[in-house]
PDB file of N, CA and C in Angstrom:
ATOM      1  N   MET A   1      77.587  47.228 259.380  1.00  0.00           N
ATOM      2  CA  MET A   1      77.872  48.579 259.762  1.00  0.00           C
ATOM      3  C   MET A   1      77.419  49.507 258.645  1.00  0.00           C
ATOM      4  N   ASP A   2      77.016  50.702 259.007  1.00  0.00           N
ATOM      5  CA  ASP A   2      76.646  51.728 258.041  1.00  0.00           C
ATOM      6  C   ASP A   2      77.886  52.563 257.727  1.00  0.00           C
ATOM      7  N   VAL A   3      78.122  52.804 256.446  1.00  0.00           N
ATOM      8  CA  VAL A   3      79.283  53.578 256.013  1.00  0.00           C
ATOM      9  C   VAL A   3      78.782  54.787 255.242  1.00  0.00           C
ATOM     10  N   THR A   4      79.302  55.956 255.584  1.00  0.00           N
ATOM     11  CA  THR A   4      78.923  57.193 254.906  1.00  0.00           C
ATOM     12  C   THR A   4      80.181  57.933 254.487  1.00  0.00           C
ATOM     13  N   ALA A   5      80.197  58.406 253.241  1.00  0.00           N
ATOM     14  CA  ALA A   5      81.306  59.221 252.738  1.00  0.00           C
ATOM     15  C   ALA A   5      80.871  60.671 252.798  1.00  0.00           C
ATOM     16  N   ARG A   6      81.667  61.478 253.487  1.00  0.00           N
ATOM     17  CA  ARG A   6      81.351  62.900 253.634  1.00  0.00           C
ATOM     18  C   ARG A   6      82.521  63.746 253.152  1.00  0.00           C
ATOM     19  N   LEU A   7      82.173  64.917 252.629  1.00  0.00           N
ATOM     20  CA  LEU A   7      83.182  65.873 252.190  1.00  0.00           C
ATOM     21  C   LEU A   7      83.070  67.091 253.086  1.00  0.00           C
ATOM     22  N   GLY A   8      84.121  67.383 253.820  1.00  0.00           N
ATOM     23  CA  GLY A   8      84.122  68.538 254.704  1.00  0.00           C
ATOM     24  C   GLY A   8      84.573  69.785 253.974  1.00  0.00           C
ATOM     25  N   LEU A   9      83.668  70.729 253.830  1.00  0.00           N
ATOM     26  CA  LEU A   9      83.987  72.000 253.197  1.00  0.00           C
ATOM     27  C   LEU A   9      84.191  73.060 254.275  1.00  0.00           C
ATOM     28  N   ALA A  10      84.628  74.223 253.893  1.00  0.00           N
ATOM     29  CA  ALA A  10      84.906  75.285 254.862  1.00  0.00           C
ATOM     30  C   ALA A  10      83.650  75.687 255.639  1.00  0.00           C
ATOM     31  N   THR A  11      82.500  75.660 254.995  1.00  0.00           N
ATOM     32  CA  THR A  11      81.280  76.142 255.653  1.00  0.00           C
ATOM     33  C   THR A  11      80.241  75.057 255.895  1.00  0.00           C
ATOM     34  N   ALA A  12      80.470  73.854 255.404  1.00  0.00           N
ATOM     35  CA  ALA A  12      79.472  72.793 255.566  1.00  0.00           C
ATOM     36  C   ALA A  12      80.112  71.436 255.333  1.00  0.00           C
ATOM     37  N   GLU A  13      79.384  70.407 255.713  1.00  0.00           N
ATOM     38  CA  GLU A  13      79.795  69.041 255.425  1.00  0.00           C
ATOM     39  C   GLU A  13      78.753  68.438 254.491  1.00  0.00           C
ATOM     40  N   VAL A  14      79.212  67.847 253.389  1.00  0.00           N
ATOM     41  CA  VAL A  14      78.321  67.318 252.365  1.00  0.00           C
ATOM     42  C   VAL A  14      78.412  65.797 252.361  1.00  0.00           C
ATOM     43  N   THR A  15      77.261  65.130 252.387  1.00  0.00           N
ATOM     44  CA  THR A  15      77.237  63.676 252.281  1.00  0.00           C
ATOM     45  C   THR A  15      77.331  63.296 250.814  1.00  0.00           C
ATOM     46  N   LEU A  16      78.357  62.519 250.470  1.00  0.00           N
ATOM     47  CA  LEU A  16      78.545  62.080 249.093  1.00  0.00           C
ATOM     48  C   LEU A  16      77.805  60.783 248.809  1.00  0.00           C
ATOM     49  N   ALA A  17      77.813  59.861 249.773  1.00  0.00           N
ATOM     50  CA  ALA A  17      77.156  58.569 249.584  1.00  0.00           C
ATOM     51  C   ALA A  17      76.984  57.890 250.920  1.00  0.00           C
ATOM     52  N   THR A  18      76.015  56.973 250.964  1.00  0.00           N
ATOM     53  CA  THR A  18      75.783  56.163 252.159  1.00  0.00           C
ATOM     54  C   THR A  18      75.565  54.725 251.735  1.00  0.00           C
ATOM     55  N   TRP A  19      76.224  53.818 252.426  1.00  0.00           N
ATOM     56  CA  TRP A  19      76.045  52.390 252.183  1.00  0.00           C
ATOM     57  C   TRP A  19      75.586  51.755 253.492  1.00  0.00           C
ATOM     58  N   PRO A  20      74.293  51.481 253.642  1.00  0.00           N
ATOM     59  CA  PRO A  20      73.800  50.908 254.892  1.00  0.00           C
ATOM     60  C   PRO A  20      74.054  49.394 254.980  1.00  0.00           C
ATOM     61  N   SER A  21      74.274  48.946 256.188  1.00  0.00           N
ATOM     62  CA  SER A  21      74.363  47.507 256.515  1.00  0.00           C
ATOM     63  C   SER A  21      75.428  46.752 255.723  1.00  0.00           C
ATOM     64  N   LEU A  22      76.614  47.319 255.612  1.00  0.00           N
ATOM     65  CA  LEU A  22      77.701  46.601 254.950  1.00  0.00           C
ATOM     66  C   LEU A  22      78.320  45.613 255.927  1.00  0.00           C
ATOM     67  N   ARG A  23      78.710  44.477 255.387  1.00  0.00           N
ATOM     68  CA  ARG A  23      79.336  43.444 256.214  1.00  0.00           C
ATOM     69  C   ARG A  23      80.680  43.049 255.601  1.00  0.00           C
ATOM     70  N   GLY A  24      81.568  42.572 256.428  1.00  0.00           N
ATOM     71  CA  GLY A  24      82.851  42.086 255.939  1.00  0.00           C
ATOM     72  C   GLY A  24      83.748  43.209 255.457  1.00  0.00           C
ATOM     73  N   ASP A  25      84.557  42.895 254.457  1.00  0.00           N
ATOM     74  CA  ASP A  25      85.494  43.874 253.903  1.00  0.00           C
ATOM     75  C   ASP A  25      84.751  44.759 252.911  1.00  0.00           C
ATOM     76  N   TRP A  26      84.381  45.945 253.355  1.00  0.00           N
ATOM     77  CA  TRP A  26      83.599  46.859 252.523  1.00  0.00           C
ATOM     78  C   TRP A  26      84.469  47.824 251.730  1.00  0.00           C
ATOM     79  N   THR A  27      85.799  47.752 251.907  1.00  0.00           N
ATOM     80  CA  THR A  27      86.699  48.690 251.236  1.00  0.00           C
ATOM     81  C   THR A  27      86.517  48.712 249.713  1.00  0.00           C
ATOM     82  N   PRO A  28      86.421  47.568 249.018  1.00  0.00           N
ATOM     83  CA  PRO A  28      86.261  47.626 247.563  1.00  0.00           C
ATOM     84  C   PRO A  28      84.932  48.257 247.130  1.00  0.00           C
ATOM     85  N   ILE A  29      83.946  48.212 247.980  1.00  0.00           N
ATOM     86  CA  ILE A  29      82.621  48.748 247.632  1.00  0.00           C
ATOM     87  C   ILE A  29      82.621  50.269 247.686  1.00  0.00           C
ATOM     88  N   VAL A  30      83.263  50.837 248.678  1.00  0.00           N
ATOM     89  CA  VAL A  30      83.164  52.277 248.893  1.00  0.00           C
ATOM     90  C   VAL A  30      84.405  53.052 248.467  1.00  0.00           C
ATOM     91  N   HIS A  31      85.459  52.355 248.113  1.00  0.00           N
ATOM     92  CA  HIS A  31      86.704  53.031 247.729  1.00  0.00           C
ATOM     93  C   HIS A  31      86.516  53.790 246.421  1.00  0.00           C
ATOM     94  N   PRO A  32      86.620  55.126 246.449  1.00  0.00           N
ATOM     95  CA  PRO A  32      86.435  55.880 245.199  1.00  0.00           C
ATOM     96  C   PRO A  32      87.621  55.671 244.273  1.00  0.00           C
ATOM     97  N   THR A  33      87.337  55.713 243.007  1.00  0.00           N
ATOM     98  CA  THR A  33      88.421  55.568 242.041  1.00  0.00           C
ATOM     99  C   THR A  33      89.156  56.890 241.894  1.00  0.00           C
ATOM    100  N   LEU A  34      90.350  56.800 241.398  1.00  0.00           N
ATOM    101  CA  LEU A  34      91.150  58.011 241.166  1.00  0.00           C
ATOM    102  C   LEU A  34      90.431  58.937 240.202  1.00  0.00           C
ATOM    103  N   PHE A  35      89.760  58.366 239.211  1.00  0.00           N
ATOM    104  CA  PHE A  35      89.016  59.166 238.238  1.00  0.00           C
ATOM    105  C   PHE A  35      87.915  59.969 238.917  1.00  0.00           C
ATOM    106  N   GLU A  36      87.170  59.340 239.820  1.00  0.00           N
ATOM    107  CA  GLU A  36      86.091  60.042 240.508  1.00  0.00           C
ATOM    108  C   GLU A  36      86.615  61.170 241.374  1.00  0.00           C
ATOM    109  N   VAL A  37      87.680  60.920 242.118  1.00  0.00           N
ATOM    110  CA  VAL A  37      88.251  61.932 242.998  1.00  0.00           C
ATOM    111  C   VAL A  37      88.811  63.096 242.181  1.00  0.00           C
ATOM    112  N   THR A  38      89.487  62.784 241.078  1.00  0.00           N
ATOM    113  CA  THR A  38      90.027  63.826 240.214  1.00  0.00           C
ATOM    114  C   THR A  38      88.905  64.659 239.606  1.00  0.00           C
ATOM    115  N   GLY A  39      87.836  64.002 239.182  1.00  0.00           N
ATOM    116  CA  GLY A  39      86.692  64.711 238.615  1.00  0.00           C
ATOM    117  C   GLY A  39      86.023  65.618 239.626  1.00  0.00           C
ATOM    118  N   LEU A  40      85.860  65.135 240.851  1.00  0.00           N
ATOM    119  CA  LEU A  40      85.255  65.951 241.900  1.00  0.00           C
ATOM    120  C   LEU A  40      86.126  67.159 242.213  1.00  0.00           C
ATOM    121  N   HIS A  41      87.431  66.948 242.306  1.00  0.00           N
ATOM    122  CA  HIS A  41      88.349  68.051 242.570  1.00  0.00           C
ATOM    123  C   HIS A  41      88.287  69.093 241.459  1.00  0.00           C
ATOM    124  N   ALA A  42      88.269  68.628 240.212  1.00  0.00           N
ATOM    125  CA  ALA A  42      88.209  69.557 239.076  1.00  0.00           C
ATOM    126  C   ALA A  42      86.904  70.349 239.086  1.00  0.00           C
ATOM    127  N   ALA A  43      85.795  69.676 239.375  1.00  0.00           N
ATOM    128  CA  ALA A  43      84.503  70.363 239.401  1.00  0.00           C
ATOM    129  C   ALA A  43      84.457  71.408 240.506  1.00  0.00           C
ATOM    130  N   LEU A  44      84.983  71.074 241.669  1.00  0.00           N
ATOM    131  CA  LEU A  44      84.999  72.042 242.769  1.00  0.00           C
ATOM    132  C   LEU A  44      85.926  73.215 242.454  1.00  0.00           C
ATOM    133  N   SER A  45      87.041  72.951 241.795  1.00  0.00           N
ATOM    134  CA  SER A  45      87.961  74.027 241.424  1.00  0.00           C
ATOM    135  C   SER A  45      87.316  74.985 240.425  1.00  0.00           C
ATOM    136  N   VAL A  46      86.625  74.434 239.431  1.00  0.00           N
ATOM    137  CA  VAL A  46      85.947  75.274 238.442  1.00  0.00           C
ATOM    138  C   VAL A  46      84.849  76.093 239.116  1.00  0.00           C
ATOM    139  N   ALA A  47      84.085  75.461 239.997  1.00  0.00           N
ATOM    140  CA  ALA A  47      83.011  76.173 240.692  1.00  0.00           C
ATOM    141  C   ALA A  47      83.568  77.298 241.561  1.00  0.00           C
ATOM    142  N   ALA A  48      84.672  77.033 242.252  1.00  0.00           N
ATOM    143  CA  ALA A  48      85.282  78.065 243.095  1.00  0.00           C
ATOM    144  C   ALA A  48      85.807  79.218 242.241  1.00  0.00           C
ATOM    145  N   ASP A  49      86.451  78.911 241.124  1.00  0.00           N
ATOM    146  CA  ASP A  49      86.953  79.957 240.225  1.00  0.00           C
ATOM    147  C   ASP A  49      85.804  80.791 239.654  1.00  0.00           C
ATOM    148  N   ALA A  50      84.716  80.139 239.280  1.00  0.00           N
ATOM    149  CA  ALA A  50      83.555  80.857 238.741  1.00  0.00           C
ATOM    150  C   ALA A  50      82.944  81.769 239.802  1.00  0.00           C
ATOM    151  N   LEU A  51      82.887  81.302 241.025  1.00  0.00           N
ATOM    152  CA  LEU A  51      82.353  82.120 242.115  1.00  0.00           C
ATOM    153  C   LEU A  51      83.235  83.332 242.367  1.00  0.00           C
ATOM    154  N   HIS A  52      84.546  83.149 242.371  1.00  0.00           N
ATOM    155  CA  HIS A  52      85.466  84.277 242.566  1.00  0.00           C
ATOM    156  C   HIS A  52      85.330  85.299 241.434  1.00  0.00           C
ATOM    157  N   LEU A  53      85.216  84.809 240.193  1.00  0.00           N
ATOM    158  CA  LEU A  53      85.066  85.707 239.054  1.00  0.00           C
ATOM    159  C   LEU A  53      83.743  86.466 239.138  1.00  0.00           C
ATOM    160  N   ALA A  54      82.678  85.782 239.493  1.00  0.00           N
ATOM    161  CA  ALA A  54      81.372  86.446 239.625  1.00  0.00           C
ATOM    162  C   ALA A  54      81.418  87.521 240.702  1.00  0.00           C
ATOM    163  N   ASN A  55      82.083  87.235 241.802  1.00  0.00           N
ATOM    164  CA  ASN A  55      82.212  88.235 242.875  1.00  0.00           C
ATOM    165  C   ASN A  55      83.028  89.443 242.425  1.00  0.00           C
ATOM    166  N   GLN A  56      84.096  89.203 241.677  1.00  0.00           N
ATOM    167  CA  GLN A  56      84.911  90.304 241.165  1.00  0.00           C
ATOM    168  C   GLN A  56      84.118  91.163 240.187  1.00  0.00           C
ATOM    169  N   LEU A  57      83.354  90.551 239.312  1.00  0.00           N
ATOM    170  CA  LEU A  57      82.557  91.288 238.343  1.00  0.00           C
ATOM    171  C   LEU A  57      81.439  92.079 239.032  1.00  0.00           C
ATOM    172  N   ALA A  58      80.893  91.523 240.103  1.00  0.00           N
ATOM    173  CA  ALA A  58      79.838  92.210 240.838  1.00  0.00           C
ATOM    174  C   ALA A  58      80.378  93.433 241.570  1.00  0.00           C
ATOM    175  N   ASP A  59      81.634  93.377 241.991  1.00  0.00           N
ATOM    176  CA  ASP A  59      82.253  94.499 242.699  1.00  0.00           C
ATOM    177  C   ASP A  59      82.619  95.647 241.777  1.00  0.00           C
ATOM    178  N   ASN A  60      82.767  95.378 240.483  1.00  0.00           N
ATOM    179  CA  ASN A  60      83.199  96.408 239.530  1.00  0.00           C
ATOM    180  C   ASN A  60      82.043  97.187 239.015  1.00  0.00           C
TER     181      ASN A  60
END
């Protein structure tokens, strides 16, 4: 089976990874670690904060 990890955002869906032709128990292969998920969340939070700040500065 083909397995794809996607992140659904408010305006788009982003493909994070694809693992084609996996067989058997594929959970250990595609299961993200807590570190990766935390890092992705932190990066998205920083990017969102930077975008909000840039928009505020542009309005002033």
